[in-house]
PDB file of N, CA and C in Angstrom:
ATOM      1  N   MET A   1     137.722 252.617 131.707  1.00  0.00           N
ATOM      2  CA  MET A   1     137.194 251.397 132.241  1.00  0.00           C
ATOM      3  C   MET A   1     135.983 250.919 131.451  1.00  0.00           C
ATOM      4  N   ASN A   2     135.206 251.803 130.963  1.00  0.00           N
ATOM      5  CA  ASN A   2     134.046 251.422 130.169  1.00  0.00           C
ATOM      6  C   ASN A   2     134.466 250.733 128.871  1.00  0.00           C
ATOM      7  N   ARG A   3     135.505 251.231 128.240  1.00  0.00           N
ATOM      8  CA  ARG A   3     135.971 250.648 126.976  1.00  0.00           C
ATOM      9  C   ARG A   3     136.439 249.199 127.200  1.00  0.00           C
ATOM     10  N   ALA A   4     137.153 248.942 128.275  1.00  0.00           N
ATOM     11  CA  ALA A   4     137.625 247.592 128.585  1.00  0.00           C
ATOM     12  C   ALA A   4     136.448 246.661 128.846  1.00  0.00           C
ATOM     13  N   ARG A   5     135.466 247.213 129.528  1.00  0.00           N
ATOM     14  CA  ARG A   5     134.270 246.414 129.835  1.00  0.00           C
ATOM     15  C   ARG A   5     133.502 246.086 128.557  1.00  0.00           C
ATOM     16  N   VAL A   6     133.382 247.008 127.635  1.00  0.00           N
ATOM     17  CA  VAL A   6     132.669 246.793 126.368  1.00  0.00           C
ATOM     18  C   VAL A   6     133.409 245.737 125.541  1.00  0.00           C
ATOM     19  N   GLU A   7     134.732 245.831 125.501  1.00  0.00           N
ATOM     20  CA  GLU A   7     135.516 244.848 124.752  1.00  0.00           C
ATOM     21  C   GLU A   7     135.380 243.452 125.373  1.00  0.00           C
ATOM     22  N   GLU A   8     135.311 243.386 126.676  1.00  0.00           N
ATOM     23  CA  GLU A   8     135.134 242.104 127.368  1.00  0.00           C
ATOM     24  C   GLU A   8     133.773 241.499 127.042  1.00  0.00           C
ATOM     25  N   ILE A   9     132.742 242.325 127.052  1.00  0.00           N
ATOM     26  CA  ILE A   9     131.393 241.854 126.723  1.00  0.00           C
ATOM     27  C   ILE A   9     131.327 241.422 125.257  1.00  0.00           C
ATOM     28  N   ALA A  10     131.960 242.172 124.356  1.00  0.00           N
ATOM     29  CA  ALA A  10     131.980 241.821 122.935  1.00  0.00           C
ATOM     30  C   ALA A  10     132.693 240.483 122.720  1.00  0.00           C
ATOM     31  N   ALA A  11     133.792 240.265 123.433  1.00  0.00           N
ATOM     32  CA  ALA A  11     134.515 239.001 123.320  1.00  0.00           C
ATOM     33  C   ALA A  11     133.657 237.848 123.831  1.00  0.00           C
ATOM     34  N   ALA A  12     132.941 238.093 124.938  1.00  0.00           N
ATOM     35  CA  ALA A  12     132.068 237.058 125.495  1.00  0.00           C
ATOM     36  C   ALA A  12     130.937 236.735 124.528  1.00  0.00           C
ATOM     37  N   VAL A  13     130.366 237.764 123.913  1.00  0.00           N
ATOM     38  CA  VAL A  13     129.288 237.542 122.932  1.00  0.00           C
ATOM     39  C   VAL A  13     129.836 236.783 121.722  1.00  0.00           C
ATOM     40  N   GLY A  14     131.029 237.137 121.277  1.00  0.00           N
ATOM     41  CA  GLY A  14     131.661 236.430 120.151  1.00  0.00           C
ATOM     42  C   GLY A  14     131.884 234.961 120.464  1.00  0.00           C
ATOM     43  N   ASP A  15     132.332 234.677 121.683  1.00  0.00           N
ATOM     44  CA  ASP A  15     132.528 233.291 122.094  1.00  0.00           C
ATOM     45  C   ASP A  15     131.202 232.537 122.123  1.00  0.00           C
ATOM     46  N   LEU A  16     130.154 233.194 122.632  1.00  0.00           N
ATOM     47  CA  LEU A  16     128.839 232.557 122.665  1.00  0.00           C
ATOM     48  C   LEU A  16     128.322 232.259 121.258  1.00  0.00           C
ATOM     49  N   LEU A  17     128.525 233.199 120.333  1.00  0.00           N
ATOM     50  CA  LEU A  17     128.096 232.967 118.955  1.00  0.00           C
ATOM     51  C   LEU A  17     128.855 231.802 118.322  1.00  0.00           C
ATOM     52  N   LYS A  18     130.154 231.699 118.597  1.00  0.00           N
ATOM     53  CA  LYS A  18     130.947 230.582 118.073  1.00  0.00           C
ATOM     54  C   LYS A  18     130.438 229.259 118.643  1.00  0.00           C
ATOM     55  N   LYS A  19     130.126 229.259 119.948  1.00  0.00           N
ATOM     56  CA  LYS A  19     129.619 228.046 120.570  1.00  0.00           C
ATOM     57  C   LYS A  19     128.267 227.653 119.987  1.00  0.00           C
ATOM     58  N   GLN A  20     127.409 228.661 119.718  1.00  0.00           N
ATOM     59  CA  GLN A  20     126.118 228.374 119.105  1.00  0.00           C
ATOM     60  C   GLN A  20     126.286 227.742 117.730  1.00  0.00           C
ATOM     61  N   GLU A  21     127.203 228.255 116.934  1.00  0.00           N
ATOM     62  CA  GLU A  21     127.447 227.696 115.610  1.00  0.00           C
ATOM     63  C   GLU A  21     127.966 226.263 115.714  1.00  0.00           C
ATOM     64  N   GLU A  22     128.861 226.015 116.666  1.00  0.00           N
ATOM     65  CA  GLU A  22     129.384 224.670 116.865  1.00  0.00           C
ATOM     66  C   GLU A  22     128.274 223.709 117.261  1.00  0.00           C
ATOM     67  N   VAL A  23     127.370 224.189 118.153  1.00  0.00           N
ATOM     68  CA  VAL A  23     126.250 223.356 118.584  1.00  0.00           C
ATOM     69  C   VAL A  23     125.333 223.054 117.398  1.00  0.00           C
ATOM     70  N   LYS A  24     125.061 224.056 116.549  1.00  0.00           N
ATOM     71  CA  LYS A  24     124.215 223.848 115.377  1.00  0.00           C
ATOM     72  C   LYS A  24     124.836 222.838 114.422  1.00  0.00           C
ATOM     73  N   GLU A  25     126.144 222.968 114.195  1.00  0.00           N
ATOM     74  CA  GLU A  25     126.831 222.027 113.309  1.00  0.00           C
ATOM     75  C   GLU A  25     126.822 220.627 113.904  1.00  0.00           C
ATOM     76  N   GLU A  26     126.999 220.546 115.207  1.00  0.00           N
ATOM     77  CA  GLU A  26     126.977 219.249 115.867  1.00  0.00           C
ATOM     78  C   GLU A  26     125.593 218.614 115.764  1.00  0.00           C
ATOM     79  N   LYS A  27     124.541 219.419 115.924  1.00  0.00           N
ATOM     80  CA  LYS A  27     123.179 218.906 115.791  1.00  0.00           C
ATOM     81  C   LYS A  27     122.923 218.420 114.365  1.00  0.00           C
ATOM     82  N   LYS A  28     123.421 219.174 113.367  1.00  0.00           N
ATOM     83  CA  LYS A  28     123.258 218.757 111.977  1.00  0.00           C
ATOM     84  C   LYS A  28     123.964 217.429 111.725  1.00  0.00           C
ATOM     85  N   SER A  29     125.168 217.303 112.246  1.00  0.00           N
ATOM     86  CA  SER A  29     125.922 216.065 112.020  1.00  0.00           C
ATOM     87  C   SER A  29     125.250 214.890 112.729  1.00  0.00           C
ATOM     88  N   LYS A  30     124.694 215.145 113.916  1.00  0.00           N
ATOM     89  CA  LYS A  30     123.965 214.084 114.614  1.00  0.00           C
ATOM     90  C   LYS A  30     122.710 213.694 113.847  1.00  0.00           C
ATOM     91  N   ALA A  31     122.021 214.672 113.275  1.00  0.00           N
ATOM     92  CA  ALA A  31     120.818 214.382 112.506  1.00  0.00           C
ATOM     93  C   ALA A  31     121.163 213.549 111.272  1.00  0.00           C
ATOM     94  N   ILE A  32     122.238 213.917 110.605  1.00  0.00           N
ATOM     95  CA  ILE A  32     122.667 213.154 109.432  1.00  0.00           C
ATOM     96  C   ILE A  32     123.060 211.738 109.839  1.00  0.00           C
ATOM     97  N   LEU A  33     123.733 211.622 110.968  1.00  0.00           N
ATOM     98  CA  LEU A  33     124.116 210.307 111.475  1.00  0.00           C
ATOM     99  C   LEU A  33     122.883 209.457 111.762  1.00  0.00           C
ATOM    100  N   TRP A  34     121.865 210.046 112.365  1.00  0.00           N
ATOM    101  CA  TRP A  34     120.622 209.324 112.647  1.00  0.00           C
ATOM    102  C   TRP A  34     119.928 208.895 111.362  1.00  0.00           C
ATOM    103  N   VAL A  35     119.921 209.759 110.365  1.00  0.00           N
ATOM    104  CA  VAL A  35     119.282 209.402 109.082  1.00  0.00           C
ATOM    105  C   VAL A  35     119.993 208.209 108.470  1.00  0.00           C
ATOM    106  N   PHE A  36     121.333 208.231 108.442  1.00  0.00           N
ATOM    107  CA  PHE A  36     122.077 207.107 107.873  1.00  0.00           C
ATOM    108  C   PHE A  36     121.892 205.840 108.707  1.00  0.00           C
ATOM    109  N   ALA A  37     121.793 205.982 110.014  1.00  0.00           N
ATOM    110  CA  ALA A  37     121.572 204.817 110.874  1.00  0.00           C
ATOM    111  C   ALA A  37     120.213 204.185 110.591  1.00  0.00           C
ATOM    112  N   ILE A  38     119.192 204.999 110.416  1.00  0.00           N
ATOM    113  CA  ILE A  38     117.846 204.479 110.125  1.00  0.00           C
ATOM    114  C   ILE A  38     117.828 203.808 108.760  1.00  0.00           C
ATOM    115  N   ILE A  39     118.446 204.444 107.765  1.00  0.00           N
ATOM    116  CA  ILE A  39     118.494 203.841 106.424  1.00  0.00           C
ATOM    117  C   ILE A  39     119.258 202.514 106.467  1.00  0.00           C
ATOM    118  N   GLY A  40     120.340 202.460 107.200  1.00  0.00           N
ATOM    119  CA  GLY A  40     121.106 201.223 107.337  1.00  0.00           C
ATOM    120  C   GLY A  40     120.309 200.123 108.019  1.00  0.00           C
ATOM    121  N   ALA A  41     119.553 200.488 109.054  1.00  0.00           N
ATOM    122  CA  ALA A  41     118.734 199.494 109.751  1.00  0.00           C
ATOM    123  C   ALA A  41     117.644 198.955 108.837  1.00  0.00           C
ATOM    124  N   ILE A  42     117.028 199.825 108.059  1.00  0.00           N
ATOM    125  CA  ILE A  42     115.986 199.384 107.124  1.00  0.00           C
ATOM    126  C   ILE A  42     116.588 198.472 106.061  1.00  0.00           C
ATOM    127  N   ALA A  43     117.752 198.838 105.532  1.00  0.00           N
ATOM    128  CA  ALA A  43     118.408 198.011 104.517  1.00  0.00           C
ATOM    129  C   ALA A  43     118.779 196.642 105.091  1.00  0.00           C
ATOM    130  N   ALA A  44     119.249 196.607 106.322  1.00  0.00           N
ATOM    131  CA  ALA A  44     119.600 195.327 106.949  1.00  0.00           C
ATOM    132  C   ALA A  44     118.357 194.465 107.146  1.00  0.00           C
ATOM    133  N   ALA A  45     117.248 195.071 107.574  1.00  0.00           N
ATOM    134  CA  ALA A  45     116.007 194.314 107.760  1.00  0.00           C
ATOM    135  C   ALA A  45     115.500 193.750 106.433  1.00  0.00           C
ATOM    136  N   VAL A  46     115.585 194.553 105.380  1.00  0.00           N
ATOM    137  CA  VAL A  46     115.151 194.086 104.059  1.00  0.00           C
ATOM    138  C   VAL A  46     116.039 192.940 103.582  1.00  0.00           C
ATOM    139  N   ALA A  47     117.344 193.046 103.784  1.00  0.00           N
ATOM    140  CA  ALA A  47     118.268 191.989 103.367  1.00  0.00           C
ATOM    141  C   ALA A  47     117.996 190.697 104.131  1.00  0.00           C
ATOM    142  N   ILE A  48     117.738 190.798 105.412  1.00  0.00           N
ATOM    143  CA  ILE A  48     117.440 189.610 106.212  1.00  0.00           C
ATOM    144  C   ILE A  48     116.123 188.986 105.764  1.00  0.00           C
ATOM    145  N   ALA A  49     115.111 189.806 105.525  1.00  0.00           N
ATOM    146  CA  ALA A  49     113.821 189.287 105.070  1.00  0.00           C
ATOM    147  C   ALA A  49     113.967 188.592 103.721  1.00  0.00           C
ATOM    148  N   TYR A  50     114.741 189.156 102.810  1.00  0.00           N
ATOM    149  CA  TYR A  50     114.946 188.539 101.496  1.00  0.00           C
ATOM    150  C   TYR A  50     115.692 187.214 101.626  1.00  0.00           C
ATOM    151  N   ALA A  51     116.689 187.174 102.502  1.00  0.00           N
ATOM    152  CA  ALA A  51     117.443 185.933 102.696  1.00  0.00           C
ATOM    153  C   ALA A  51     116.539 184.843 103.261  1.00  0.00           C
ATOM    154  N   ILE A  52     115.694 185.197 104.213  1.00  0.00           N
ATOM    155  CA  ILE A  52     114.760 184.219 104.778  1.00  0.00           C
ATOM    156  C   ILE A  52     113.768 183.764 103.716  1.00  0.00           C
ATOM    157  N   TYR A  53     113.270 184.688 102.917  1.00  0.00           N
ATOM    158  CA  TYR A  53     112.336 184.337 101.847  1.00  0.00           C
ATOM    159  C   TYR A  53     112.975 183.367 100.861  1.00  0.00           C
ATOM    160  N   CYS A  54     114.204 183.658 100.449  1.00  0.00           N
ATOM    161  CA  CYS A  54     114.895 182.777  99.496  1.00  0.00           C
ATOM    162  C   CYS A  54     115.174 181.412 100.109  1.00  0.00           C
ATOM    163  N   TYR A  55     115.462 181.362 101.387  1.00  0.00           N
ATOM    164  CA  TYR A  55     115.765 180.095 102.044  1.00  0.00           C
ATOM    165  C   TYR A  55     114.529 179.206 102.137  1.00  0.00           C
ATOM    166  N   PHE A  56     113.375 179.794 102.436  1.00  0.00           N
ATOM    167  CA  PHE A  56     112.177 178.993 102.647  1.00  0.00           C
ATOM    168  C   PHE A  56     111.339 178.778 101.388  1.00  0.00           C
ATOM    169  N   THR A  57     111.598 179.507 100.322  1.00  0.00           N
ATOM    170  CA  THR A  57     110.827 179.341  99.094  1.00  0.00           C
ATOM    171  C   THR A  57     111.393 178.161  98.309  1.00  0.00           C
ATOM    172  N   PRO A  58     110.533 177.186  97.970  1.00  0.00           N
ATOM    173  CA  PRO A  58     111.033 176.043  97.201  1.00  0.00           C
ATOM    174  C   PRO A  58     111.408 176.463  95.787  1.00  0.00           C
ATOM    175  N   ASP A  59     112.339 175.729  95.201  1.00  0.00           N
ATOM    176  CA  ASP A  59     112.795 176.022  93.854  1.00  0.00           C
ATOM    177  C   ASP A  59     112.009 175.156  92.875  1.00  0.00           C
ATOM    178  N   TYR A  60     110.927 175.698  92.357  1.00  0.00           N
ATOM    179  CA  TYR A  60     110.078 174.955  91.440  1.00  0.00           C
ATOM    180  C   TYR A  60     110.744 174.758  90.085  1.00  0.00           C
ATOM    181  N   LEU A  61     111.592 175.668  89.677  1.00  0.00           N
ATOM    182  CA  LEU A  61     112.243 175.575  88.381  1.00  0.00           C
ATOM    183  C   LEU A  61     113.150 174.351  88.315  1.00  0.00           C
ATOM    184  N   GLU A  62     113.826 174.046  89.411  1.00  0.00           N
ATOM    185  CA  GLU A  62     114.708 172.886  89.427  1.00  0.00           C
ATOM    186  C   GLU A  62     113.904 171.603  89.210  1.00  0.00           C
ATOM    187  N   ASP A  63     112.748 171.486  89.864  1.00  0.00           N
ATOM    188  CA  ASP A  63     111.894 170.322  89.672  1.00  0.00           C
ATOM    189  C   ASP A  63     111.390 170.256  88.231  1.00  0.00           C
ATOM    190  N   PHE A  64     111.018 171.384  87.678  1.00  0.00           N
ATOM    191  CA  PHE A  64     110.527 171.428  86.303  1.00  0.00           C
ATOM    192  C   PHE A  64     111.609 170.980  85.334  1.00  0.00           C
ATOM    193  N   GLU A  65     112.837 171.469  85.528  1.00  0.00           N
ATOM    194  CA  GLU A  65     113.925 171.086  84.637  1.00  0.00           C
ATOM    195  C   GLU A  65     114.210 169.598  84.722  1.00  0.00           C
ATOM    196  N   ASP A  66     114.160 169.037  85.934  1.00  0.00           N
ATOM    197  CA  ASP A  66     114.389 167.601  86.080  1.00  0.00           C
ATOM    198  C   ASP A  66     113.311 166.808  85.357  1.00  0.00           C
ATOM    199  N   ASP A  67     112.049 167.201  85.545  1.00  0.00           N
ATOM    200  CA  ASP A  67     110.955 166.509  84.873  1.00  0.00           C
ATOM    201  C   ASP A  67     111.060 166.666  83.365  1.00  0.00           C
ATOM    202  N   PHE A  68     111.384 167.843  82.913  1.00  0.00           N
ATOM    203  CA  PHE A  68     111.495 168.100  81.475  1.00  0.00           C
ATOM    204  C   PHE A  68     112.629 167.275  80.877  1.00  0.00           C
ATOM    205  N   ASP A  69     113.767 167.241  81.562  1.00  0.00           N
ATOM    206  CA  ASP A  69     114.902 166.463  81.064  1.00  0.00           C
ATOM    207  C   ASP A  69     114.561 164.983  81.005  1.00  0.00           C
ATOM    208  N   ASP A  70     113.886 164.481  82.037  1.00  0.00           N
ATOM    209  CA  ASP A  70     113.520 163.066  82.043  1.00  0.00           C
ATOM    210  C   ASP A  70     112.584 162.744  80.881  1.00  0.00           C
ATOM    211  N   ASP A  71     111.568 163.561  80.683  1.00  0.00           N
ATOM    212  CA  ASP A  71     110.617 163.317  79.599  1.00  0.00           C
ATOM    213  C   ASP A  71     111.289 163.446  78.243  1.00  0.00           C
ATOM    214  N   PHE A  72     112.108 164.454  78.106  1.00  0.00           N
ATOM    215  CA  PHE A  72     112.763 164.726  76.837  1.00  0.00           C
ATOM    216  C   PHE A  72     113.747 163.619  76.486  1.00  0.00           C
ATOM    217  N   GLU A  73     114.538 163.170  77.450  1.00  0.00           N
ATOM    218  CA  GLU A  73     115.525 162.133  77.193  1.00  0.00           C
ATOM    219  C   GLU A  73     114.855 160.809  76.852  1.00  0.00           C
ATOM    220  N   GLU A  74     113.771 160.476  77.539  1.00  0.00           N
ATOM    221  CA  GLU A  74     113.102 159.206  77.288  1.00  0.00           C
ATOM    222  C   GLU A  74     112.597 159.129  75.854  1.00  0.00           C
ATOM    223  N   ASP A  75     111.952 160.177  75.401  1.00  0.00           N
ATOM    224  CA  ASP A  75     111.353 160.139  74.071  1.00  0.00           C
ATOM    225  C   ASP A  75     112.372 160.366  72.968  1.00  0.00           C
ATOM    226  N   PHE A  76     113.176 161.344  73.107  1.00  0.00           N
ATOM    227  CA  PHE A  76     114.042 161.769  72.018  1.00  0.00           C
ATOM    228  C   PHE A  76     115.273 160.882  71.862  1.00  0.00           C
ATOM    229  N   PHE A  77     115.990 160.670  72.948  1.00  0.00           N
ATOM    230  CA  PHE A  77     117.252 159.951  72.845  1.00  0.00           C
ATOM    231  C   PHE A  77     117.057 158.461  72.652  1.00  0.00           C
ATOM    232  N   ASP A  78     115.957 157.908  73.125  1.00  0.00           N
ATOM    233  CA  ASP A  78     115.695 156.488  72.882  1.00  0.00           C
ATOM    234  C   ASP A  78     115.517 156.240  71.391  1.00  0.00           C
ATOM    235  N   ASP A  79     114.820 157.133  70.705  1.00  0.00           N
ATOM    236  CA  ASP A  79     114.622 156.994  69.272  1.00  0.00           C
ATOM    237  C   ASP A  79     115.946 157.085  68.536  1.00  0.00           C
ATOM    238  N   ASP A  80     116.798 158.001  68.934  1.00  0.00           N
ATOM    239  CA  ASP A  80     118.090 158.156  68.284  1.00  0.00           C
ATOM    240  C   ASP A  80     118.955 156.921  68.493  1.00  0.00           C
ATOM    241  N   ASP A  81     118.936 156.363  69.698  1.00  0.00           N
ATOM    242  CA  ASP A  81     119.725 155.164  69.973  1.00  0.00           C
ATOM    243  C   ASP A  81     119.266 154.004  69.101  1.00  0.00           C
ATOM    244  N   GLU A  82     117.964 153.867  68.971  1.00  0.00           N
ATOM    245  CA  GLU A  82     117.434 152.790  68.129  1.00  0.00           C
ATOM    246  C   GLU A  82     117.833 153.000  66.675  1.00  0.00           C
ATOM    247  N   GLU A  83     117.763 154.234  66.198  1.00  0.00           N
ATOM    248  CA  GLU A  83     118.136 154.525  64.818  1.00  0.00           C
ATOM    249  C   GLU A  83     119.621 154.269  64.587  1.00  0.00           C
ATOM    250  N   ILE A  84     120.444 154.603  65.550  1.00  0.00           N
ATOM    251  CA  ILE A  84     121.884 154.363  65.428  1.00  0.00           C
ATOM    252  C   ILE A  84     122.167 152.868  65.395  1.00  0.00           C
ATOM    253  N   GLU A  85     121.491 152.121  66.258  1.00  0.00           N
ATOM    254  CA  GLU A  85     121.695 150.671  66.281  1.00  0.00           C
ATOM    255  C   GLU A  85     121.244 150.046  64.967  1.00  0.00           C
ATOM    256  N   VAL A  86     120.127 150.501  64.420  1.00  0.00           N
ATOM    257  CA  VAL A  86     119.638 149.985  63.142  1.00  0.00           C
ATOM    258  C   VAL A  86     120.629 150.328  62.033  1.00  0.00           C
ATOM    259  N   ALA A  87     121.153 151.550  62.048  1.00  0.00           N
ATOM    260  CA  ALA A  87     122.122 151.961  61.030  1.00  0.00           C
ATOM    261  C   ALA A  87     123.396 151.140  61.130  1.00  0.00           C
ATOM    262  N   LYS A  88     123.862 150.863  62.347  1.00  0.00           N
ATOM    263  CA  LYS A  88     125.062 150.043  62.524  1.00  0.00           C
ATOM    264  C   LYS A  88     124.812 148.608  62.023  1.00  0.00           C
ATOM    265  N   ALA A  89     123.630 148.074  62.327  1.00  0.00           N
ATOM    266  CA  ALA A  89     123.300 146.716  61.889  1.00  0.00           C
ATOM    267  C   ALA A  89     123.242 146.662  60.355  1.00  0.00           C
ATOM    268  N   GLU A  90     122.668 147.668  59.726  1.00  0.00           N
ATOM    269  CA  GLU A  90     122.598 147.704  58.265  1.00  0.00           C
ATOM    270  C   GLU A  90     123.999 147.814  57.662  1.00  0.00           C
ATOM    271  N   LYS A  91     124.845 148.618  58.279  1.00  0.00           N
ATOM    272  CA  LYS A  91     126.211 148.794  57.778  1.00  0.00           C
ATOM    273  C   LYS A  91     126.981 147.495  57.877  1.00  0.00           C
ATOM    274  N   LYS A  92     126.817 146.765  58.986  1.00  0.00           N
ATOM    275  CA  LYS A  92     127.495 145.484  59.155  1.00  0.00           C
ATOM    276  C   LYS A  92     127.001 144.485  58.120  1.00  0.00           C
ATOM    277  N   SER A  93     125.703 144.476  57.879  1.00  0.00           N
ATOM    278  CA  SER A  93     125.155 143.508  56.911  1.00  0.00           C
ATOM    279  C   SER A  93     125.626 143.864  55.494  1.00  0.00           C
ATOM    280  N   GLU A  94     125.827 145.157  55.184  1.00  0.00           N
ATOM    281  CA  GLU A  94     126.316 145.533  53.881  1.00  0.00           C
ATOM    282  C   GLU A  94     127.779 145.148  53.715  1.00  0.00           C
ATOM    283  N   GLU A  95     128.543 145.240  54.789  1.00  0.00           N
ATOM    284  CA  GLU A  95     129.964 144.899  54.725  1.00  0.00           C
ATOM    285  C   GLU A  95     130.168 143.401  54.527  1.00  0.00           C
ATOM    286  N   GLU A  96     129.273 142.615  55.017  1.00  0.00           N
ATOM    287  CA  GLU A  96     129.425 141.151  54.928  1.00  0.00           C
ATOM    288  C   GLU A  96     128.982 140.696  53.595  1.00  0.00           C
TER     289      GLU A  96
END
């Protein structure tokens, strides 16, 4: 009877050890899940903040390019148009 009782206690201890290992693994997996959840929440907050920043920040480069194009076209292309017209007029007068 003692041998049966010892084997029963050993089996019970073995079951308890298995349950402890399962609990430890479950705690580890929960901890990893929490870490990924926190990292995901931080990444989402950063993405939202960046989107709001981009939405409310004016685009100064677009204004600069428009001003630059206007200034550049007025000075440069007007001169070329005049030179082309003068060249065409000279060519017509030479042909006649």
